[in-house]
Amino acid sequence: MKTPLRIAILECDTPLDQTRAKYGGYGGVFEALLGAGADALGQPDLVSSKKGLEITKWDVVNKQKYPSLDQIDAVLITGSRFNSFDDIPWILKLVDFTKKLLAQERVRVIGVCFGHQIIGRALGAKVDRSDAGWEISVTPMALTQKGKELFKQDNLSLHQMHRDIVYEYPEGVEELGASPRCSVQGMYVEGRIITVQGHPEFNQQIVTEILQARHSQGIFNDELFEDAMARVGKDHDGVAVSSAFLRFLLEDRTA
């Protein structure tokens, strides 16, 4: 795919106050991540945080506005506090749009957490609450051979913030990795789809704000909160995942 890369970010939620003050919406959080991933590629003549990325942001929850496919090269579906398996109108509209995306071959699709689950749902996989409960804060996962190839490293740690999962890999999708609480941590179809269950866009500040809010609301009990806070500052590989997303967009299909 040629640059500039025209990436439409579908914002499926609104950040909490501190994060919103710093980045605006989650589109701003992902814009920062993609810029860092572009710089890490080390190809400034092709793409960087200052060149080669044309990012648009679409509020699919409140405004329910979507891009025209002929004006973009890729769609990134963000995370969300909402349930990917619910049948409320905006989620059903998002699933229908995702099916439309998957039915064509030019515009590539990236999914993160809720977005990963929406893609799984659109492909016919079961998406529901996990019997293992919450998976939160910096968490290591085991990569498959394809995962190691795409992320350019043998191990991967990402911030997690979910208790819903994709239960099985849809037909024709390659597995990227697994953690003890989630066997479907990433999905891949060459030249078409790449997803991760974790949050490469999250950092210590963003996750700390979420953890504190959900602890005060009683969503996370003391034990869960304290365990997550003990790991929230650990190193994570969000930029490596961002670089992998961009390599995925830049590569030509071989099949």
C-alpha atoms as a PDB file:
ATOM      1  CA  MET A   1       0.000   0.000   0.000  1.00  0.00           C
ATOM      2  CA  LYS A   2       1.285   3.456  -0.866  1.00  0.00           C
ATOM      3  CA  THR A   3       1.630   6.422   1.468  1.00  0.00           C
ATOM      4  CA  PRO A   4       0.046   8.525   2.687  1.00  0.00           C
ATOM      5  CA  LEU A   5      -1.905   5.875   4.580  1.00  0.00           C
ATOM      6  CA  ARG A   6      -5.484   7.064   5.001  1.00  0.00           C
ATOM      7  CA  ILE A   7      -6.568   5.514   8.300  1.00  0.00           C
ATOM      8  CA  ALA A   8     -10.092   5.946   9.662  1.00  0.00           C
ATOM      9  CA  ILE A   9     -10.267   5.450  13.431  1.00  0.00           C
ATOM     10  CA  LEU A  10     -13.695   4.333  14.615  1.00  0.00           C
ATOM     11  CA  GLU A  11     -14.012   5.700  18.157  1.00  0.00           C
ATOM     12  CA  CYS A  12     -16.133   3.270  20.160  1.00  0.00           C
ATOM     13  CA  ASP A  13     -15.892   5.035  23.516  1.00  0.00           C
ATOM     14  CA  THR A  14     -14.857   8.279  25.250  1.00  0.00           C
ATOM     15  CA  PRO A  15     -11.793   8.427  27.554  1.00  0.00           C
ATOM     16  CA  LEU A  16     -11.920   9.455  31.195  1.00  0.00           C
ATOM     17  CA  ASP A  17     -11.200  13.068  32.161  1.00  0.00           C
ATOM     18  CA  GLN A  18      -7.377  13.096  32.423  1.00  0.00           C
ATOM     19  CA  THR A  19      -6.911  11.131  29.229  1.00  0.00           C
ATOM     20  CA  ARG A  20      -9.482  13.208  27.374  1.00  0.00           C
ATOM     21  CA  ALA A  21      -7.754  16.425  28.498  1.00  0.00           C
ATOM     22  CA  LYS A  22      -4.423  15.174  27.116  1.00  0.00           C
ATOM     23  CA  TYR A  23      -5.491  13.418  23.903  1.00  0.00           C
ATOM     24  CA  GLY A  24      -9.060  14.429  23.131  1.00  0.00           C
ATOM     25  CA  GLY A  25     -10.883  11.239  22.156  1.00  0.00           C
ATOM     26  CA  TYR A  26      -9.486   7.740  21.725  1.00  0.00           C
ATOM     27  CA  GLY A  27      -8.700   8.761  18.160  1.00  0.00           C
ATOM     28  CA  GLY A  28      -6.074  11.066  19.628  1.00  0.00           C
ATOM     29  CA  VAL A  29      -4.659   8.252  21.765  1.00  0.00           C
ATOM     30  CA  PHE A  30      -4.303   6.063  18.666  1.00  0.00           C
ATOM     31  CA  GLU A  31      -2.895   8.914  16.612  1.00  0.00           C
ATOM     32  CA  ALA A  32      -0.092   9.228  19.176  1.00  0.00           C
ATOM     33  CA  LEU A  33       0.475   5.456  19.112  1.00  0.00           C
ATOM     34  CA  LEU A  34       0.581   5.253  15.317  1.00  0.00           C
ATOM     35  CA  GLY A  35       3.014   8.169  15.183  1.00  0.00           C
ATOM     36  CA  ALA A  36       5.328   6.429  17.650  1.00  0.00           C
ATOM     37  CA  GLY A  37       5.047   3.184  15.701  1.00  0.00           C
ATOM     38  CA  ALA A  38       5.821   4.998  12.456  1.00  0.00           C
ATOM     39  CA  ASP A  39       8.934   6.600  13.961  1.00  0.00           C
ATOM     40  CA  ALA A  40      10.053   3.213  15.294  1.00  0.00           C
ATOM     41  CA  LEU A  41       9.934   1.746  11.773  1.00  0.00           C
ATOM     42  CA  GLY A  42      12.983   3.830  10.925  1.00  0.00           C
ATOM     43  CA  GLN A  43      11.748   4.749   7.432  1.00  0.00           C
ATOM     44  CA  PRO A  44      11.236   8.537   7.774  1.00  0.00           C
ATOM     45  CA  ASP A  45      11.205   9.094   4.016  1.00  0.00           C
ATOM     46  CA  LEU A  46       8.193   6.784   3.786  1.00  0.00           C
ATOM     47  CA  VAL A  47       6.237   7.242   7.001  1.00  0.00           C
ATOM     48  CA  SER A  48       6.760   8.910  10.366  1.00  0.00           C
ATOM     49  CA  SER A  49       4.843  10.841  12.997  1.00  0.00           C
ATOM     50  CA  LYS A  50       5.214  13.879  10.708  1.00  0.00           C
ATOM     51  CA  LYS A  51       4.717  12.294   7.291  1.00  0.00           C
ATOM     52  CA  GLY A  52       2.725   9.603   5.537  1.00  0.00           C
ATOM     53  CA  LEU A  53      -0.253   9.251   7.900  1.00  0.00           C
ATOM     54  CA  GLU A  54      -3.658  10.801   7.198  1.00  0.00           C
ATOM     55  CA  ILE A  55      -5.852   9.991  10.167  1.00  0.00           C
ATOM     56  CA  THR A  56      -9.557  10.718  10.456  1.00  0.00           C
ATOM     57  CA  LYS A  57     -11.714  10.058  13.523  1.00  0.00           C
ATOM     58  CA  TRP A  58     -15.293   8.842  13.537  1.00  0.00           C
ATOM     59  CA  ASP A  59     -17.655   8.783  16.525  1.00  0.00           C
ATOM     60  CA  VAL A  60     -19.621   5.591  15.906  1.00  0.00           C
ATOM     61  CA  VAL A  61     -21.373   5.649  19.297  1.00  0.00           C
ATOM     62  CA  ASN A  62     -23.070   9.040  19.503  1.00  0.00           C
ATOM     63  CA  LYS A  63     -22.937  10.393  15.943  1.00  0.00           C
ATOM     64  CA  GLN A  64     -22.863   6.948  14.285  1.00  0.00           C
ATOM     65  CA  LYS A  65     -20.940   8.417  11.347  1.00  0.00           C
ATOM     66  CA  TYR A  66     -18.772   6.233   9.098  1.00  0.00           C
ATOM     67  CA  PRO A  67     -16.220   6.911   6.367  1.00  0.00           C
ATOM     68  CA  SER A  68     -16.724   6.202   2.693  1.00  0.00           C
ATOM     69  CA  LEU A  69     -14.538   3.245   1.774  1.00  0.00           C
ATOM     70  CA  ASP A  70     -13.326   4.880  -1.413  1.00  0.00           C
ATOM     71  CA  GLN A  71     -11.721   7.659   0.661  1.00  0.00           C
ATOM     72  CA  ILE A  72      -9.680   5.481   3.047  1.00  0.00           C
ATOM     73  CA  ASP A  73      -7.100   2.703   3.008  1.00  0.00           C
ATOM     74  CA  ALA A  74      -7.645   1.218   6.453  1.00  0.00           C
ATOM     75  CA  VAL A  75     -10.067   1.153   9.374  1.00  0.00           C
ATOM     76  CA  LEU A  76      -9.001   0.840  13.019  1.00  0.00           C
ATOM     77  CA  ILE A  77     -11.749  -0.134  15.480  1.00  0.00           C
ATOM     78  CA  THR A  78     -10.923   0.973  19.023  1.00  0.00           C
ATOM     79  CA  GLY A  79     -11.606  -0.489  22.421  1.00  0.00           C
ATOM     80  CA  SER A  80     -14.709   0.297  24.442  1.00  0.00           C
ATOM     81  CA  ARG A  81     -16.307  -0.177  27.851  1.00  0.00           C
ATOM     82  CA  PHE A  82     -19.389  -1.536  26.073  1.00  0.00           C
ATOM     83  CA  ASN A  83     -20.111  -5.224  25.404  1.00  0.00           C
ATOM     84  CA  SER A  84     -19.229  -6.347  21.901  1.00  0.00           C
ATOM     85  CA  PHE A  85     -21.945  -9.022  22.030  1.00  0.00           C
ATOM     86  CA  ASP A  86     -24.798  -6.608  22.841  1.00  0.00           C
ATOM     87  CA  ASP A  87     -27.525  -5.992  20.266  1.00  0.00           C
ATOM     88  CA  ILE A  88     -28.008  -2.260  20.851  1.00  0.00           C
ATOM     89  CA  PRO A  89     -28.426  -0.154  17.690  1.00  0.00           C
ATOM     90  CA  TRP A  90     -24.971   1.444  17.393  1.00  0.00           C
ATOM     91  CA  ILE A  91     -23.208  -1.885  17.966  1.00  0.00           C
ATOM     92  CA  LEU A  92     -25.386  -3.645  15.400  1.00  0.00           C
ATOM     93  CA  LYS A  93     -24.585  -0.843  12.945  1.00  0.00           C
ATOM     94  CA  LEU A  94     -20.862  -1.272  13.680  1.00  0.00           C
ATOM     95  CA  VAL A  95     -21.071  -5.038  13.132  1.00  0.00           C
ATOM     96  CA  ASP A  96     -22.870  -4.469   9.809  1.00  0.00           C
ATOM     97  CA  PHE A  97     -20.212  -1.948   8.728  1.00  0.00           C
ATOM     98  CA  THR A  98     -17.474  -4.408   9.725  1.00  0.00           C
ATOM     99  CA  LYS A  99     -19.112  -7.142   7.646  1.00  0.00           C
ATOM    100  CA  LYS A 100     -19.124  -4.722   4.713  1.00  0.00           C
ATOM    101  CA  LEU A 101     -15.410  -4.102   5.283  1.00  0.00           C
ATOM    102  CA  LEU A 102     -14.641  -7.795   5.408  1.00  0.00           C
ATOM    103  CA  ALA A 103     -16.606  -8.430   2.210  1.00  0.00           C
ATOM    104  CA  GLN A 104     -14.247  -6.247   0.162  1.00  0.00           C
ATOM    105  CA  GLU A 105     -10.499  -6.615  -0.314  1.00  0.00           C
ATOM    106  CA  ARG A 106      -8.897  -3.177  -0.620  1.00  0.00           C
ATOM    107  CA  VAL A 107      -9.491  -1.469   2.734  1.00  0.00           C
ATOM    108  CA  ARG A 108      -7.611  -3.265   5.510  1.00  0.00           C
ATOM    109  CA  VAL A 109      -8.974  -3.728   9.019  1.00  0.00           C
ATOM    110  CA  ILE A 110      -7.310  -3.368  12.430  1.00  0.00           C
ATOM    111  CA  GLY A 111      -9.090  -4.233  15.673  1.00  0.00           C
ATOM    112  CA  VAL A 112      -8.082  -3.516  19.264  1.00  0.00           C
ATOM    113  CA  CYS A 113      -9.826  -5.109  22.298  1.00  0.00           C
ATOM    114  CA  PHE A 114     -13.532  -4.350  21.684  1.00  0.00           C
ATOM    115  CA  GLY A 115     -12.601  -3.821  18.016  1.00  0.00           C
ATOM    116  CA  HIS A 116     -10.903  -7.234  17.958  1.00  0.00           C
ATOM    117  CA  GLN A 117     -14.090  -8.737  19.381  1.00  0.00           C
ATOM    118  CA  ILE A 118     -16.339  -6.917  16.889  1.00  0.00           C
ATOM    119  CA  ILE A 119     -14.265  -8.363  14.043  1.00  0.00           C
ATOM    120  CA  GLY A 120     -14.538 -11.815  15.611  1.00  0.00           C
ATOM    121  CA  ARG A 121     -18.310 -11.382  15.866  1.00  0.00           C
ATOM    122  CA  ALA A 122     -18.561 -10.186  12.266  1.00  0.00           C
ATOM    123  CA  LEU A 123     -16.675 -13.317  11.205  1.00  0.00           C
ATOM    124  CA  GLY A 124     -19.155 -15.530  13.047  1.00  0.00           C
ATOM    125  CA  ALA A 125     -17.147 -16.372  16.172  1.00  0.00           C
ATOM    126  CA  LYS A 126     -18.681 -16.548  19.644  1.00  0.00           C
ATOM    127  CA  VAL A 127     -18.006 -13.403  21.681  1.00  0.00           C
ATOM    128  CA  ASP A 128     -19.056 -13.326  25.336  1.00  0.00           C
ATOM    129  CA  ARG A 129     -17.981 -12.966  28.963  1.00  0.00           C
ATOM    130  CA  SER A 130     -14.894 -14.949  29.847  1.00  0.00           C
ATOM    131  CA  ASP A 131     -15.211 -17.648  32.495  1.00  0.00           C
ATOM    132  CA  ALA A 132     -11.740 -16.560  33.646  1.00  0.00           C
ATOM    133  CA  GLY A 133     -12.912 -13.072  34.615  1.00  0.00           C
ATOM    134  CA  TRP A 134     -11.024  -9.815  34.191  1.00  0.00           C
ATOM    135  CA  GLU A 135      -7.615  -9.593  32.538  1.00  0.00           C
ATOM    136  CA  ILE A 136      -6.120  -6.188  33.348  1.00  0.00           C
ATOM    137  CA  SER A 137      -2.864  -4.195  33.400  1.00  0.00           C
ATOM    138  CA  VAL A 138       0.439  -5.255  31.788  1.00  0.00           C
ATOM    139  CA  THR A 139       0.196  -8.952  30.904  1.00  0.00           C
ATOM    140  CA  PRO A 140       2.611 -11.220  29.009  1.00  0.00           C
ATOM    141  CA  MET A 141       1.388 -13.539  26.291  1.00  0.00           C
ATOM    142  CA  ALA A 142       2.837 -16.424  24.319  1.00  0.00           C
ATOM    143  CA  LEU A 143       3.181 -15.711  20.618  1.00  0.00           C
ATOM    144  CA  THR A 144       2.653 -18.174  17.812  1.00  0.00           C
ATOM    145  CA  GLN A 145       5.221 -18.396  15.034  1.00  0.00           C
ATOM    146  CA  LYS A 146       3.101 -15.996  12.979  1.00  0.00           C
ATOM    147  CA  GLY A 147       2.873 -13.648  15.950  1.00  0.00           C
ATOM    148  CA  LYS A 148       6.660 -13.630  16.340  1.00  0.00           C
ATOM    149  CA  GLU A 149       7.007 -12.936  12.628  1.00  0.00           C
ATOM    150  CA  LEU A 150       4.581 -10.004  12.640  1.00  0.00           C
ATOM    151  CA  PHE A 151       5.643  -8.359  15.888  1.00  0.00           C
ATOM    152  CA  LYS A 152       9.369  -8.977  15.281  1.00  0.00           C
ATOM    153  CA  GLN A 153       9.986 -10.343  18.781  1.00  0.00           C
ATOM    154  CA  ASP A 154       9.657 -13.618  20.653  1.00  0.00           C
ATOM    155  CA  ASN A 155       7.489 -12.372  23.516  1.00  0.00           C
ATOM    156  CA  LEU A 156       4.837  -9.705  23.887  1.00  0.00           C
ATOM    157  CA  SER A 157       3.450  -7.834  26.882  1.00  0.00           C
ATOM    158  CA  LEU A 158       0.482  -5.478  26.552  1.00  0.00           C
ATOM    159  CA  HIS A 159      -1.903  -3.600  28.779  1.00  0.00           C
ATOM    160  CA  GLN A 160      -5.174  -5.517  29.069  1.00  0.00           C
ATOM    161  CA  MET A 161      -8.592  -4.234  30.164  1.00  0.00           C
ATOM    162  CA  HIS A 162     -11.280  -6.801  29.392  1.00  0.00           C
ATOM    163  CA  ARG A 163     -13.492  -9.575  30.683  1.00  0.00           C
ATOM    164  CA  ASP A 164     -15.053 -10.380  27.294  1.00  0.00           C
ATOM    165  CA  ILE A 165     -13.275 -12.592  24.775  1.00  0.00           C
ATOM    166  CA  VAL A 166     -13.466 -14.104  21.316  1.00  0.00           C
ATOM    167  CA  TYR A 167     -13.970 -17.772  22.125  1.00  0.00           C
ATOM    168  CA  GLU A 168     -12.544 -19.357  18.987  1.00  0.00           C
ATOM    169  CA  TYR A 169     -10.626 -18.440  15.873  1.00  0.00           C
ATOM    170  CA  PRO A 170     -12.889 -17.991  12.857  1.00  0.00           C
ATOM    171  CA  GLU A 171     -12.170 -20.160   9.828  1.00  0.00           C
ATOM    172  CA  GLY A 172      -9.290 -18.900   7.717  1.00  0.00           C
ATOM    173  CA  VAL A 173      -7.806 -16.704  10.465  1.00  0.00           C
ATOM    174  CA  GLU A 174      -4.246 -17.218  11.705  1.00  0.00           C
ATOM    175  CA  GLU A 175      -3.560 -17.295  15.446  1.00  0.00           C
ATOM    176  CA  LEU A 176      -1.149 -14.709  16.852  1.00  0.00           C
ATOM    177  CA  GLY A 177      -0.948 -15.456  20.564  1.00  0.00           C
ATOM    178  CA  ALA A 178      -2.560 -16.504  23.819  1.00  0.00           C
ATOM    179  CA  SER A 179      -2.477 -15.708  27.518  1.00  0.00           C
ATOM    180  CA  PRO A 180      -3.593 -17.910  30.451  1.00  0.00           C
ATOM    181  CA  ARG A 181      -6.939 -16.066  30.594  1.00  0.00           C
ATOM    182  CA  CYS A 182      -7.518 -15.562  26.870  1.00  0.00           C
ATOM    183  CA  SER A 183      -6.651 -18.051  24.140  1.00  0.00           C
ATOM    184  CA  VAL A 184      -7.520 -15.646  21.286  1.00  0.00           C
ATOM    185  CA  GLN A 185      -5.142 -12.699  21.793  1.00  0.00           C
ATOM    186  CA  GLY A 186      -4.748 -11.800  18.137  1.00  0.00           C
ATOM    187  CA  MET A 187      -6.083 -12.644  14.679  1.00  0.00           C
ATOM    188  CA  TYR A 188      -4.499 -12.227  11.262  1.00  0.00           C
ATOM    189  CA  VAL A 189      -5.437 -12.616   7.624  1.00  0.00           C
ATOM    190  CA  GLU A 190      -2.713 -11.546   5.203  1.00  0.00           C
ATOM    191  CA  GLY A 191      -3.476  -8.225   3.579  1.00  0.00           C
ATOM    192  CA  ARG A 192      -6.907  -8.090   5.221  1.00  0.00           C
ATOM    193  CA  ILE A 193      -7.074  -8.208   9.035  1.00  0.00           C
ATOM    194  CA  ILE A 194      -4.870  -7.805  12.083  1.00  0.00           C
ATOM    195  CA  THR A 195      -6.219  -7.646  15.642  1.00  0.00           C
ATOM    196  CA  VAL A 196      -5.063  -7.736  19.257  1.00  0.00           C
ATOM    197  CA  GLN A 197      -7.110  -8.269  22.409  1.00  0.00           C
ATOM    198  CA  GLY A 198      -4.703  -6.092  24.404  1.00  0.00           C
ATOM    199  CA  HIS A 199      -4.340  -2.324  24.343  1.00  0.00           C
ATOM    200  CA  PRO A 200      -1.144  -1.173  22.598  1.00  0.00           C
ATOM    201  CA  GLU A 201      -2.419   2.419  22.838  1.00  0.00           C
ATOM    202  CA  PHE A 202      -2.619   2.369  26.653  1.00  0.00           C
ATOM    203  CA  ASN A 203       0.138   3.583  28.949  1.00  0.00           C
ATOM    204  CA  GLN A 204       0.647   3.799  32.702  1.00  0.00           C
ATOM    205  CA  GLN A 205      -1.269   7.068  33.067  1.00  0.00           C
ATOM    206  CA  ILE A 206      -4.294   5.929  31.049  1.00  0.00           C
ATOM    207  CA  VAL A 207      -4.576   2.561  32.791  1.00  0.00           C
ATOM    208  CA  THR A 208      -4.000   4.014  36.261  1.00  0.00           C
ATOM    209  CA  GLU A 209      -6.921   6.383  35.693  1.00  0.00           C
ATOM    210  CA  ILE A 210      -9.173   3.497  34.597  1.00  0.00           C
ATOM    211  CA  LEU A 211      -8.072   1.271  37.487  1.00  0.00           C
ATOM    212  CA  GLN A 212      -8.718   3.981  40.079  1.00  0.00           C
ATOM    213  CA  ALA A 213     -12.130   4.813  38.603  1.00  0.00           C
ATOM    214  CA  ARG A 214     -13.278   1.199  38.454  1.00  0.00           C
ATOM    215  CA  HIS A 215     -11.942   0.480  41.932  1.00  0.00           C
ATOM    216  CA  SER A 216     -13.845   3.442  43.374  1.00  0.00           C
ATOM    217  CA  GLN A 217     -16.978   2.257  41.540  1.00  0.00           C
ATOM    218  CA  GLY A 218     -16.644  -1.226  43.038  1.00  0.00           C
ATOM    219  CA  ILE A 219     -16.036  -2.884  39.653  1.00  0.00           C
ATOM    220  CA  PHE A 220     -12.553  -3.975  40.757  1.00  0.00           C
ATOM    221  CA  ASN A 221     -12.200  -5.288  44.307  1.00  0.00           C
ATOM    222  CA  ASP A 222      -9.143  -4.465  46.444  1.00  0.00           C
ATOM    223  CA  GLU A 223      -7.242  -7.614  45.494  1.00  0.00           C
ATOM    224  CA  LEU A 224      -7.751  -7.141  41.744  1.00  0.00           C
ATOM    225  CA  PHE A 225      -6.924  -3.430  41.957  1.00  0.00           C
ATOM    226  CA  GLU A 226      -3.736  -3.904  43.986  1.00  0.00           C
ATOM    227  CA  ASP A 227      -2.477  -6.673  41.703  1.00  0.00           C
ATOM    228  CA  ALA A 228      -3.108  -4.548  38.610  1.00  0.00           C
ATOM    229  CA  MET A 229      -1.471  -1.466  40.142  1.00  0.00           C
ATOM    230  CA  ALA A 230       1.629  -3.537  40.917  1.00  0.00           C
ATOM    231  CA  ARG A 231       2.001  -4.233  37.172  1.00  0.00           C
ATOM    232  CA  VAL A 232       0.743  -0.987  35.616  1.00  0.00           C
ATOM    233  CA  GLY A 233       4.214   0.546  35.307  1.00  0.00           C
ATOM    234  CA  LYS A 234       5.901  -2.492  33.776  1.00  0.00           C
ATOM    235  CA  ASP A 235       7.385  -2.342  30.290  1.00  0.00           C
ATOM    236  CA  HIS A 236       4.942  -3.104  27.515  1.00  0.00           C
ATOM    237  CA  ASP A 237       5.191  -3.507  23.753  1.00  0.00           C
ATOM    238  CA  GLY A 238       2.562  -1.102  22.470  1.00  0.00           C
ATOM    239  CA  VAL A 239       4.926   0.636  20.052  1.00  0.00           C
ATOM    240  CA  ALA A 240       6.071  -2.707  18.618  1.00  0.00           C
ATOM    241  CA  VAL A 241       2.434  -3.601  17.945  1.00  0.00           C
ATOM    242  CA  SER A 242       1.853  -0.194  16.345  1.00  0.00           C
ATOM    243  CA  SER A 243       4.841  -0.771  14.046  1.00  0.00           C
ATOM    244  CA  ALA A 244       3.394  -4.180  13.153  1.00  0.00           C
ATOM    245  CA  PHE A 245       0.071  -2.537  12.279  1.00  0.00           C
ATOM    246  CA  LEU A 246       1.849  -0.139   9.933  1.00  0.00           C
ATOM    247  CA  ARG A 247       3.953  -2.860   8.299  1.00  0.00           C
ATOM    248  CA  PHE A 248       0.678  -4.725   7.730  1.00  0.00           C
ATOM    249  CA  LEU A 249      -0.735  -1.675   5.952  1.00  0.00           C
ATOM    250  CA  LEU A 250       2.384  -1.020   3.906  1.00  0.00           C
ATOM    251  CA  GLU A 251       2.926  -4.574   2.688  1.00  0.00           C
ATOM    252  CA  ASP A 252       1.548  -5.798  -0.609  1.00  0.00           C
ATOM    253  CA  ARG A 253      -0.395  -9.014  -0.605  1.00  0.00           C
ATOM    254  CA  THR A 254       1.488 -12.054  -1.868  1.00  0.00           C
ATOM    255  CA  ALA A 255      -1.629 -14.044  -2.623  1.00  0.00           C
END
